[in-house]
Amino acid sequence: ESGGGLVQAGGSLRLSCAASGRTFSSYDMGWFRQAPGKERTIV
């Protein structure tokens, strides 16, 4: 993953995730997030 950072409320960011290999098209993909002390949840 890349593209994270610090932004003001109301702003925008674009995250990227680059995969190795030739089988990328065979996978469903997901984004998840986890805040400190919290469980990982699906985005």
PDB file of all heavy atoms in Angstrom:
ATOM      1  N   GLU A   1       0.830  -1.198   0.000  1.00  0.00           N
ATOM      2  CA  GLU A   1       0.000   0.000   0.000  1.00  0.00           C
ATOM      3  C   GLU A   1       0.869   1.255   0.000  1.00  0.00           C
ATOM      4  O   GLU A   1       1.987   1.249   0.519  1.00  0.00           O
ATOM      5  CB  GLU A   1      -0.923   0.046   1.225  1.00  0.00           C
ATOM      6  CG  GLU A   1      -1.856  -1.145   1.376  1.00  0.00           C
ATOM      7  CD  GLU A   1      -1.352  -2.154   2.378  1.00  0.00           C
ATOM      8  OE1 GLU A   1      -0.109  -2.263   2.546  1.00  0.00           O
ATOM      9  OE2 GLU A   1      -2.185  -2.835   3.003  1.00  0.00           O
ATOM     10  N   SER A   2       0.312   2.332  -0.533  1.00  0.00           N
ATOM     11  CA  SER A   2       0.952   3.635  -0.476  1.00  0.00           C
ATOM     12  C   SER A   2      -0.125   4.707  -0.567  1.00  0.00           C
ATOM     13  O   SER A   2      -1.275   4.425  -0.899  1.00  0.00           O
ATOM     14  CB  SER A   2       1.984   3.806  -1.584  1.00  0.00           C
ATOM     15  OG  SER A   2       1.378   3.712  -2.863  1.00  0.00           O
ATOM     16  N   GLY A   3       0.246   5.942  -0.266  1.00  0.00           N
ATOM     17  CA  GLY A   3      -0.651   7.074  -0.431  1.00  0.00           C
ATOM     18  C   GLY A   3      -1.245   7.636   0.838  1.00  0.00           C
ATOM     19  O   GLY A   3      -1.965   8.634   0.787  1.00  0.00           O
ATOM     20  N   GLY A   4      -0.969   7.009   1.980  1.00  0.00           N
ATOM     21  CA  GLY A   4      -1.473   7.533   3.232  1.00  0.00           C
ATOM     22  C   GLY A   4      -0.768   8.818   3.625  1.00  0.00           C
ATOM     23  O   GLY A   4       0.244   9.200   3.045  1.00  0.00           O
ATOM     24  N   GLY A   5      -1.324   9.489   4.623  1.00  0.00           N
ATOM     25  CA  GLY A   5      -0.736  10.728   5.095  1.00  0.00           C
ATOM     26  C   GLY A   5      -1.669  11.472   6.009  1.00  0.00           C
ATOM     27  O   GLY A   5      -2.658  10.932   6.499  1.00  0.00           O
ATOM     28  N   LEU A   6      -1.341  12.738   6.248  1.00  0.00           N
ATOM     29  CA  LEU A   6      -2.110  13.623   7.108  1.00  0.00           C
ATOM     30  C   LEU A   6      -2.908  14.591   6.248  1.00  0.00           C
ATOM     31  O   LEU A   6      -2.354  15.221   5.342  1.00  0.00           O
ATOM     32  CB  LEU A   6      -1.169  14.391   8.041  1.00  0.00           C
ATOM     33  CG  LEU A   6      -1.784  15.460   8.934  1.00  0.00           C
ATOM     34  CD1 LEU A   6      -2.752  14.837   9.931  1.00  0.00           C
ATOM     35  CD2 LEU A   6      -0.691  16.236   9.642  1.00  0.00           C
ATOM     36  N   VAL A   7      -4.192  14.719   6.536  1.00  0.00           N
ATOM     37  CA  VAL A   7      -5.060  15.593   5.763  1.00  0.00           C
ATOM     38  C   VAL A   7      -6.081  16.246   6.694  1.00  0.00           C
ATOM     39  O   VAL A   7      -6.457  15.665   7.716  1.00  0.00           O
ATOM     40  CB  VAL A   7      -5.755  14.806   4.623  1.00  0.00           C
ATOM     41  CG1 VAL A   7      -6.703  13.758   5.183  1.00  0.00           C
ATOM     42  CG2 VAL A   7      -6.466  15.738   3.659  1.00  0.00           C
ATOM     43  N   GLN A   8      -6.509  17.440   6.350  1.00  0.00           N
ATOM     44  CA  GLN A   8      -7.547  18.129   7.111  1.00  0.00           C
ATOM     45  C   GLN A   8      -8.914  17.529   6.816  1.00  0.00           C
ATOM     46  O   GLN A   8      -9.159  17.002   5.732  1.00  0.00           O
ATOM     47  CB  GLN A   8      -7.572  19.617   6.760  1.00  0.00           C
ATOM     48  CG  GLN A   8      -6.347  20.396   7.188  1.00  0.00           C
ATOM     49  CD  GLN A   8      -6.414  20.835   8.631  1.00  0.00           C
ATOM     50  OE1 GLN A   8      -7.407  20.624   9.329  1.00  0.00           O
ATOM     51  NE2 GLN A   8      -5.346  21.462   9.100  1.00  0.00           N
ATOM     52  N   ALA A   9      -9.809  17.606   7.787  1.00  0.00           N
ATOM     53  CA  ALA A   9     -11.184  17.171   7.567  1.00  0.00           C
ATOM     54  C   ALA A   9     -11.761  17.856   6.336  1.00  0.00           C
ATOM     55  O   ALA A   9     -11.567  19.055   6.127  1.00  0.00           O
ATOM     56  CB  ALA A   9     -12.043  17.464   8.791  1.00  0.00           C
ATOM     57  N   GLY A  10     -12.464  17.071   5.528  1.00  0.00           N
ATOM     58  CA  GLY A  10     -13.008  17.568   4.280  1.00  0.00           C
ATOM     59  C   GLY A  10     -12.102  17.376   3.091  1.00  0.00           C
ATOM     60  O   GLY A  10     -12.545  17.562   1.946  1.00  0.00           O
ATOM     61  N   GLY A  11     -10.861  16.987   3.326  1.00  0.00           N
ATOM     62  CA  GLY A  11      -9.903  16.786   2.257  1.00  0.00           C
ATOM     63  C   GLY A  11      -9.998  15.411   1.632  1.00  0.00           C
ATOM     64  O   GLY A  11     -10.880  14.608   1.958  1.00  0.00           O
ATOM     65  N   SER A  12      -9.049  15.126   0.734  1.00  0.00           N
ATOM     66  CA  SER A  12      -9.051  13.887  -0.035  1.00  0.00           C
ATOM     67  C   SER A  12      -7.679  13.240  -0.035  1.00  0.00           C
ATOM     68  O   SER A  12      -6.650  13.916   0.074  1.00  0.00           O
ATOM     69  CB  SER A  12      -9.459  14.152  -1.489  1.00  0.00           C
ATOM     70  OG  SER A  12     -10.774  14.662  -1.580  1.00  0.00           O
ATOM     71  N   LEU A  13      -7.673  11.924  -0.162  1.00  0.00           N
ATOM     72  CA  LEU A  13      -6.470  11.138  -0.374  1.00  0.00           C
ATOM     73  C   LEU A  13      -6.808  10.008  -1.330  1.00  0.00           C
ATOM     74  O   LEU A  13      -7.955   9.554  -1.382  1.00  0.00           O
ATOM     75  CB  LEU A  13      -5.938  10.533   0.928  1.00  0.00           C
ATOM     76  CG  LEU A  13      -5.226  11.430   1.937  1.00  0.00           C
ATOM     77  CD1 LEU A  13      -4.963  10.639   3.220  1.00  0.00           C
ATOM     78  CD2 LEU A  13      -3.923  11.960   1.363  1.00  0.00           C
ATOM     79  N   ARG A  14      -5.810   9.539  -2.072  1.00  0.00           N
ATOM     80  CA  ARG A  14      -5.965   8.338  -2.870  1.00  0.00           C
ATOM     81  C   ARG A  14      -4.924   7.313  -2.448  1.00  0.00           C
ATOM     82  O   ARG A  14      -3.720   7.556  -2.541  1.00  0.00           O
ATOM     83  CB  ARG A  14      -5.820   8.619  -4.369  1.00  0.00           C
ATOM     84  CG  ARG A  14      -6.208   7.398  -5.219  1.00  0.00           C
ATOM     85  CD  ARG A  14      -6.097   7.628  -6.705  1.00  0.00           C
ATOM     86  NE  ARG A  14      -4.721   7.565  -7.175  1.00  0.00           N
ATOM     87  CZ  ARG A  14      -4.364   7.286  -8.424  1.00  0.00           C
ATOM     88  NH1 ARG A  14      -5.306   7.043  -9.346  1.00  0.00           N
ATOM     89  NH2 ARG A  14      -3.086   7.273  -8.760  1.00  0.00           N
ATOM     90  N   LEU A  15      -5.404   6.170  -1.976  1.00  0.00           N
ATOM     91  CA  LEU A  15      -4.532   5.068  -1.612  1.00  0.00           C
ATOM     92  C   LEU A  15      -4.344   4.145  -2.809  1.00  0.00           C
ATOM     93  O   LEU A  15      -5.263   3.947  -3.606  1.00  0.00           O
ATOM     94  CB  LEU A  15      -5.119   4.272  -0.452  1.00  0.00           C
ATOM     95  CG  LEU A  15      -5.475   5.049   0.818  1.00  0.00           C
ATOM     96  CD1 LEU A  15      -5.955   4.081   1.899  1.00  0.00           C
ATOM     97  CD2 LEU A  15      -4.299   5.876   1.303  1.00  0.00           C
ATOM     98  N   SER A  16      -3.150   3.567  -2.920  1.00  0.00           N
ATOM     99  CA  SER A  16      -2.853   2.593  -3.954  1.00  0.00           C
ATOM    100  C   SER A  16      -2.362   1.313  -3.304  1.00  0.00           C
ATOM    101  O   SER A  16      -1.772   1.337  -2.227  1.00  0.00           O
ATOM    102  CB  SER A  16      -1.775   3.104  -4.917  1.00  0.00           C
ATOM    103  OG  SER A  16      -2.184   4.285  -5.567  1.00  0.00           O
ATOM    104  N   CYS A  17      -2.595   0.192  -3.966  1.00  0.00           N
ATOM    105  CA  CYS A  17      -2.093  -1.096  -3.517  1.00  0.00           C
ATOM    106  C   CYS A  17      -1.629  -1.863  -4.736  1.00  0.00           C
ATOM    107  O   CYS A  17      -2.444  -2.217  -5.593  1.00  0.00           O
ATOM    108  CB  CYS A  17      -3.172  -1.869  -2.758  1.00  0.00           C
ATOM    109  SG  CYS A  17      -2.675  -3.526  -2.236  1.00  0.00           S
ATOM    110  N   ALA A  18      -0.322  -2.108  -4.808  1.00  0.00           N
ATOM    111  CA  ALA A  18       0.273  -2.814  -5.927  1.00  0.00           C
ATOM    112  C   ALA A  18       0.528  -4.260  -5.550  1.00  0.00           C
ATOM    113  O   ALA A  18       1.048  -4.546  -4.469  1.00  0.00           O
ATOM    114  CB  ALA A  18       1.581  -2.146  -6.349  1.00  0.00           C
ATOM    115  N   ALA A  19       0.184  -5.181  -6.446  1.00  0.00           N
ATOM    116  CA  ALA A  19       0.311  -6.608  -6.201  1.00  0.00           C
ATOM    117  C   ALA A  19       1.373  -7.215  -7.101  1.00  0.00           C
ATOM    118  O   ALA A  19       1.541  -6.810  -8.254  1.00  0.00           O
ATOM    119  CB  ALA A  19      -1.022  -7.314  -6.432  1.00  0.00           C
ATOM    120  N   SER A  20       2.069  -8.202  -6.561  1.00  0.00           N
ATOM    121  CA  SER A  20       3.027  -8.973  -7.347  1.00  0.00           C
ATOM    122  C   SER A  20       2.315 -10.124  -8.043  1.00  0.00           C
ATOM    123  O   SER A  20       1.192 -10.494  -7.695  1.00  0.00           O
ATOM    124  CB  SER A  20       4.139  -9.503  -6.450  1.00  0.00           C
ATOM    125  OG  SER A  20       3.633 -10.438  -5.511  1.00  0.00           O
ATOM    126  N   GLY A  21       2.993 -10.709  -9.025  1.00  0.00           N
ATOM    127  CA  GLY A  21       2.495 -11.910  -9.662  1.00  0.00           C
ATOM    128  C   GLY A  21       1.565 -11.658 -10.830  1.00  0.00           C
ATOM    129  O   GLY A  21       1.156 -10.528 -11.107  1.00  0.00           O
ATOM    130  N   ARG A  22       1.204 -12.740 -11.493  1.00  0.00           N
ATOM    131  CA  ARG A  22       0.349 -12.699 -12.679  1.00  0.00           C
ATOM    132  C   ARG A  22      -1.084 -13.132 -12.403  1.00  0.00           C
ATOM    133  O   ARG A  22      -1.872 -13.210 -13.341  1.00  0.00           O
ATOM    134  CB  ARG A  22       0.945 -13.588 -13.777  1.00  0.00           C
ATOM    135  CG  ARG A  22       2.179 -13.028 -14.436  1.00  0.00           C
ATOM    136  CD  ARG A  22       2.814 -14.048 -15.356  1.00  0.00           C
ATOM    137  NE  ARG A  22       3.725 -13.422 -16.310  1.00  0.00           N
ATOM    138  CZ  ARG A  22       3.446 -13.219 -17.586  1.00  0.00           C
ATOM    139  NH1 ARG A  22       2.301 -13.622 -18.095  1.00  0.00           N
ATOM    140  NH2 ARG A  22       4.342 -12.635 -18.367  1.00  0.00           N
ATOM    141  N   THR A  23      -1.419 -13.422 -11.156  1.00  0.00           N
ATOM    142  CA  THR A  23      -2.738 -13.929 -10.810  1.00  0.00           C
ATOM    143  C   THR A  23      -3.629 -12.884 -10.160  1.00  0.00           C
ATOM    144  O   THR A  23      -4.671 -13.222  -9.616  1.00  0.00           O
ATOM    145  CB  THR A  23      -2.630 -15.156  -9.886  1.00  0.00           C
ATOM    146  OG1 THR A  23      -1.911 -14.803  -8.701  1.00  0.00           O
ATOM    147  CG2 THR A  23      -1.923 -16.295 -10.596  1.00  0.00           C
ATOM    148  N   PHE A  24      -3.260 -11.615 -10.232  1.00  0.00           N
ATOM    149  CA  PHE A  24      -4.023 -10.540  -9.617  1.00  0.00           C
ATOM    150  C   PHE A  24      -5.468 -10.528 -10.092  1.00  0.00           C
ATOM    151  O   PHE A  24      -6.390 -10.269  -9.316  1.00  0.00           O
ATOM    152  CB  PHE A  24      -3.344  -9.204  -9.915  1.00  0.00           C
ATOM    153  CG  PHE A  24      -4.042  -7.999  -9.359  1.00  0.00           C
ATOM    154  CD1 PHE A  24      -4.035  -7.731  -8.004  1.00  0.00           C
ATOM    155  CD2 PHE A  24      -4.692  -7.112 -10.207  1.00  0.00           C
ATOM    156  CE1 PHE A  24      -4.664  -6.608  -7.492  1.00  0.00           C
ATOM    157  CE2 PHE A  24      -5.319  -5.986  -9.711  1.00  0.00           C
ATOM    158  CZ  PHE A  24      -5.304  -5.735  -8.353  1.00  0.00           C
ATOM    159  N   SER A  25      -5.674 -10.813 -11.376  1.00  0.00           N
ATOM    160  CA  SER A  25      -7.021 -10.792 -11.925  1.00  0.00           C
ATOM    161  C   SER A  25      -7.894 -11.920 -11.398  1.00  0.00           C
ATOM    162  O   SER A  25      -9.104 -11.918 -11.652  1.00  0.00           O
ATOM    163  CB  SER A  25      -6.975 -10.851 -13.454  1.00  0.00           C
ATOM    164  OG  SER A  25      -6.376 -12.057 -13.902  1.00  0.00           O
ATOM    165  N   SER A  26      -7.318 -12.865 -10.670  1.00  0.00           N
ATOM    166  CA  SER A  26      -8.060 -13.981 -10.086  1.00  0.00           C
ATOM    167  C   SER A  26      -8.529 -13.703  -8.659  1.00  0.00           C
ATOM    168  O   SER A  26      -9.147 -14.575  -8.052  1.00  0.00           O
ATOM    169  CB  SER A  26      -7.218 -15.251 -10.094  1.00  0.00           C
ATOM    170  OG  SER A  26      -6.881 -15.640 -11.412  1.00  0.00           O
ATOM    171  N   TYR A  27      -8.233 -12.520  -8.131  1.00  0.00           N
ATOM    172  CA  TYR A  27      -8.569 -12.209  -6.744  1.00  0.00           C
ATOM    173  C   TYR A  27      -9.636 -11.139  -6.654  1.00  0.00           C
ATOM    174  O   TYR A  27      -9.582 -10.126  -7.356  1.00  0.00           O
ATOM    175  CB  TYR A  27      -7.343 -11.679  -5.978  1.00  0.00           C
ATOM    176  CG  TYR A  27      -6.114 -12.540  -6.049  1.00  0.00           C
ATOM    177  CD1 TYR A  27      -4.858 -11.949  -6.170  1.00  0.00           C
ATOM    178  CD2 TYR A  27      -6.193 -13.913  -5.981  1.00  0.00           C
ATOM    179  CE1 TYR A  27      -3.716 -12.724  -6.225  1.00  0.00           C
ATOM    180  CE2 TYR A  27      -5.054 -14.698  -6.046  1.00  0.00           C
ATOM    181  CZ  TYR A  27      -3.818 -14.101  -6.163  1.00  0.00           C
ATOM    182  OH  TYR A  27      -2.685 -14.872  -6.222  1.00  0.00           O
ATOM    183  N   ASP A  28     -10.610 -11.366  -5.785  1.00  0.00           N
ATOM    184  CA  ASP A  28     -11.392 -10.260  -5.259  1.00  0.00           C
ATOM    185  C   ASP A  28     -10.492  -9.485  -4.303  1.00  0.00           C
ATOM    186  O   ASP A  28      -9.590 -10.053  -3.682  1.00  0.00           O
ATOM    187  CB  ASP A  28     -12.629 -10.758  -4.517  1.00  0.00           C
ATOM    188  CG  ASP A  28     -13.771 -11.144  -5.440  1.00  0.00           C
ATOM    189  OD1 ASP A  28     -13.511 -11.558  -6.593  1.00  0.00           O
ATOM    190  OD2 ASP A  28     -14.934 -11.044  -5.006  1.00  0.00           O
ATOM    191  N   MET A  29     -10.728  -8.188  -4.178  1.00  0.00           N
ATOM    192  CA  MET A  29      -9.892  -7.348  -3.336  1.00  0.00           C
ATOM    193  C   MET A  29     -10.732  -6.593  -2.319  1.00  0.00           C
ATOM    194  O   MET A  29     -11.920  -6.333  -2.532  1.00  0.00           O
ATOM    195  CB  MET A  29      -9.096  -6.350  -4.177  1.00  0.00           C
ATOM    196  CG  MET A  29      -8.137  -6.986  -5.172  1.00  0.00           C
ATOM    197  SD  MET A  29      -6.752  -7.861  -4.368  1.00  0.00           S
ATOM    198  CE  MET A  29      -5.865  -6.492  -3.619  1.00  0.00           C
ATOM    199  N   GLY A  30     -10.090  -6.240  -1.219  1.00  0.00           N
ATOM    200  CA  GLY A  30     -10.757  -5.466  -0.188  1.00  0.00           C
ATOM    201  C   GLY A  30      -9.840  -4.426   0.417  1.00  0.00           C
ATOM    202  O   GLY A  30      -8.614  -4.547   0.362  1.00  0.00           O
ATOM    203  N   TRP A  31     -10.447  -3.387   0.965  1.00  0.00           N
ATOM    204  CA  TRP A  31      -9.759  -2.422   1.815  1.00  0.00           C
ATOM    205  C   TRP A  31     -10.344  -2.544   3.213  1.00  0.00           C
ATOM    206  O   TRP A  31     -11.573  -2.604   3.377  1.00  0.00           O
ATOM    207  CB  TRP A  31      -9.922  -0.991   1.312  1.00  0.00           C
ATOM    208  CG  TRP A  31      -9.090  -0.643   0.116  1.00  0.00           C
ATOM    209  CD1 TRP A  31      -9.480  -0.622  -1.176  1.00  0.00           C
ATOM    210  CD2 TRP A  31      -7.711  -0.243   0.131  1.00  0.00           C
ATOM    211  NE1 TRP A  31      -8.441  -0.239  -1.981  1.00  0.00           N
ATOM    212  CE2 TRP A  31      -7.338   0.000  -1.207  1.00  0.00           C
ATOM    213  CE3 TRP A  31      -6.755  -0.064   1.133  1.00  0.00           C
ATOM    214  CZ2 TRP A  31      -6.055   0.407  -1.566  1.00  0.00           C
ATOM    215  CZ3 TRP A  31      -5.475   0.334   0.774  1.00  0.00           C
ATOM    216  CH2 TRP A  31      -5.146   0.571  -0.559  1.00  0.00           C
ATOM    217  N   PHE A  32      -9.472  -2.574   4.206  1.00  0.00           N
ATOM    218  CA  PHE A  32      -9.842  -2.625   5.609  1.00  0.00           C
ATOM    219  C   PHE A  32      -9.150  -1.492   6.334  1.00  0.00           C
ATOM    220  O   PHE A  32      -8.181  -0.923   5.842  1.00  0.00           O
ATOM    221  CB  PHE A  32      -9.429  -3.961   6.239  1.00  0.00           C
ATOM    222  CG  PHE A  32     -10.160  -5.147   5.689  1.00  0.00           C
ATOM    223  CD1 PHE A  32      -9.816  -5.695   4.466  1.00  0.00           C
ATOM    224  CD2 PHE A  32     -11.195  -5.727   6.414  1.00  0.00           C
ATOM    225  CE1 PHE A  32     -10.480  -6.788   3.954  1.00  0.00           C
ATOM    226  CE2 PHE A  32     -11.872  -6.829   5.916  1.00  0.00           C
ATOM    227  CZ  PHE A  32     -11.514  -7.354   4.689  1.00  0.00           C
ATOM    228  N   ARG A  33      -9.655  -1.172   7.525  1.00  0.00           N
ATOM    229  CA  ARG A  33      -8.978  -0.174   8.345  1.00  0.00           C
ATOM    230  C   ARG A  33      -9.045  -0.575   9.811  1.00  0.00           C
ATOM    231  O   ARG A  33      -9.952  -1.276  10.244  1.00  0.00           O
ATOM    232  CB  ARG A  33      -9.558   1.225   8.136  1.00  0.00           C
ATOM    233  CG  ARG A  33     -11.009   1.397   8.553  1.00  0.00           C
ATOM    234  CD  ARG A  33     -11.501   2.778   8.105  1.00  0.00           C
ATOM    235  NE  ARG A  33     -12.870   3.023   8.505  1.00  0.00           N
ATOM    236  CZ  ARG A  33     -13.567   4.102   8.150  1.00  0.00           C
ATOM    237  NH1 ARG A  33     -13.005   5.037   7.370  1.00  0.00           N
ATOM    238  NH2 ARG A  33     -14.819   4.247   8.564  1.00  0.00           N
ATOM    239  N   GLN A  34      -8.059  -0.116  10.564  1.00  0.00           N
ATOM    240  CA  GLN A  34      -7.972  -0.433  11.978  1.00  0.00           C
ATOM    241  C   GLN A  34      -7.440   0.780  12.733  1.00  0.00           C
ATOM    242  O   GLN A  34      -6.325   1.222  12.488  1.00  0.00           O
ATOM    243  CB  GLN A  34      -7.066  -1.644  12.215  1.00  0.00           C
ATOM    244  CG  GLN A  34      -7.059  -2.133  13.644  1.00  0.00           C
ATOM    245  CD  GLN A  34      -6.404  -3.498  13.784  1.00  0.00           C
ATOM    246  OE1 GLN A  34      -5.605  -3.906  12.933  1.00  0.00           O
ATOM    247  NE2 GLN A  34      -6.739  -4.215  14.836  1.00  0.00           N
ATOM    248  N   ALA A  35      -8.247   1.300  13.639  1.00  0.00           N
ATOM    249  CA  ALA A  35      -7.850   2.389  14.513  1.00  0.00           C
ATOM    250  C   ALA A  35      -7.240   1.813  15.787  1.00  0.00           C
ATOM    251  O   ALA A  35      -7.518   0.666  16.149  1.00  0.00           O
ATOM    252  CB  ALA A  35      -9.052   3.272  14.840  1.00  0.00           C
ATOM    253  N   PRO A  36      -6.409   2.593  16.500  1.00  0.00           N
ATOM    254  CA  PRO A  36      -5.798   2.086  17.726  1.00  0.00           C
ATOM    255  C   PRO A  36      -6.828   1.575  18.721  1.00  0.00           C
ATOM    256  O   PRO A  36      -7.813   2.255  19.015  1.00  0.00           O
ATOM    257  CB  PRO A  36      -5.057   3.306  18.278  1.00  0.00           C
ATOM    258  CG  PRO A  36      -4.767   4.141  17.083  1.00  0.00           C
ATOM    259  CD  PRO A  36      -5.957   3.953  16.173  1.00  0.00           C
ATOM    260  N   GLY A  37      -6.607   0.368  19.226  1.00  0.00           N
ATOM    261  CA  GLY A  37      -7.507  -0.229  20.200  1.00  0.00           C
ATOM    262  C   GLY A  37      -8.810  -0.745  19.641  1.00  0.00           C
ATOM    263  O   GLY A  37      -9.665  -1.191  20.416  1.00  0.00           O
ATOM    264  N   LYS A  38      -8.989  -0.694  18.328  1.00  0.00           N
ATOM    265  CA  LYS A  38     -10.227  -1.132  17.705  1.00  0.00           C
ATOM    266  C   LYS A  38      -9.987  -2.357  16.835  1.00  0.00           C
ATOM    267  O   LYS A  38      -8.860  -2.665  16.453  1.00  0.00           O
ATOM    268  CB  LYS A  38     -10.829  -0.015  16.845  1.00  0.00           C
ATOM    269  CG  LYS A  38     -11.063   1.291  17.574  1.00  0.00           C
ATOM    270  CD  LYS A  38     -12.170   1.170  18.607  1.00  0.00           C
ATOM    271  CE  LYS A  38     -12.472   2.522  19.226  1.00  0.00           C
ATOM    272  NZ  LYS A  38     -13.556   2.426  20.242  1.00  0.00           N
ATOM    273  N   GLU A  39     -11.061  -3.046  16.507  1.00  0.00           N
ATOM    274  CA  GLU A  39     -10.976  -4.189  15.617  1.00  0.00           C
ATOM    275  C   GLU A  39     -10.814  -3.724  14.171  1.00  0.00           C
ATOM    276  O   GLU A  39     -11.157  -2.596  13.821  1.00  0.00           O
ATOM    277  CB  GLU A  39     -12.228  -5.074  15.760  1.00  0.00           C
ATOM    278  CG  GLU A  39     -13.505  -4.466  15.175  1.00  0.00           C
ATOM    279  CD  GLU A  39     -14.210  -3.489  16.106  1.00  0.00           C
ATOM    280  OE1 GLU A  39     -13.646  -3.096  17.139  1.00  0.00           O
ATOM    281  OE2 GLU A  39     -15.357  -3.111  15.798  1.00  0.00           O
ATOM    282  N   ARG A  40     -10.279  -4.609  13.344  1.00  0.00           N
ATOM    283  CA  ARG A  40     -10.157  -4.323  11.927  1.00  0.00           C
ATOM    284  C   ARG A  40     -11.524  -4.485  11.266  1.00  0.00           C
ATOM    285  O   ARG A  40     -12.192  -5.503  11.445  1.00  0.00           O
ATOM    286  CB  ARG A  40      -9.138  -5.255  11.288  1.00  0.00           C
ATOM    287  CG  ARG A  40      -8.784  -4.917   9.856  1.00  0.00           C
ATOM    288  CD  ARG A  40      -7.611  -5.760   9.353  1.00  0.00           C
ATOM    289  NE  ARG A  40      -6.413  -5.533  10.149  1.00  0.00           N
ATOM    290  CZ  ARG A  40      -5.243  -6.095   9.912  1.00  0.00           C
ATOM    291  NH1 ARG A  40      -5.098  -6.936   8.894  1.00  0.00           N
ATOM    292  NH2 ARG A  40      -4.212  -5.834  10.695  1.00  0.00           N
ATOM    293  N   THR A  41     -11.941  -3.485  10.509  1.00  0.00           N
ATOM    294  CA  THR A  41     -13.253  -3.504   9.880  1.00  0.00           C
ATOM    295  C   THR A  41     -13.130  -3.311   8.379  1.00  0.00           C
ATOM    296  O   THR A  41     -12.179  -2.703   7.891  1.00  0.00           O
ATOM    297  CB  THR A  41     -14.177  -2.425  10.463  1.00  0.00           C
ATOM    298  OG1 THR A  41     -13.587  -1.133  10.260  1.00  0.00           O
ATOM    299  CG2 THR A  41     -14.397  -2.644  11.956  1.00  0.00           C
ATOM    300  N   ILE A  42     -14.113  -3.813   7.661  1.00  0.00           N
ATOM    301  CA  ILE A  42     -14.103  -3.719   6.213  1.00  0.00           C
ATOM    302  C   ILE A  42     -14.517  -2.321   5.780  1.00  0.00           C
ATOM    303  O   ILE A  42     -15.395  -1.694   6.385  1.00  0.00           O
ATOM    304  CB  ILE A  42     -15.005  -4.810   5.590  1.00  0.00           C
ATOM    305  CG1 ILE A  42     -14.648  -5.044   4.135  1.00  0.00           C
ATOM    306  CG2 ILE A  42     -16.480  -4.475   5.749  1.00  0.00           C
ATOM    307  CD1 ILE A  42     -15.163  -6.368   3.603  1.00  0.00           C
ATOM    308  N   VAL A  43     -13.850  -1.818   4.766  1.00  0.00           N
ATOM    309  CA  VAL A  43     -14.165  -0.530   4.169  1.00  0.00           C
ATOM    310  C   VAL A  43     -14.887  -0.720   2.837  1.00  0.00           C
ATOM    311  O   VAL A  43     -15.912  -0.092   2.574  1.00  0.00           O
ATOM    312  CB  VAL A  43     -12.897   0.315   3.960  1.00  0.00           C
ATOM    313  CG1 VAL A  43     -13.213   1.611   3.220  1.00  0.00           C
ATOM    314  CG2 VAL A  43     -12.235   0.618   5.303  1.00  0.00           C
TER     315      VAL A  43
END
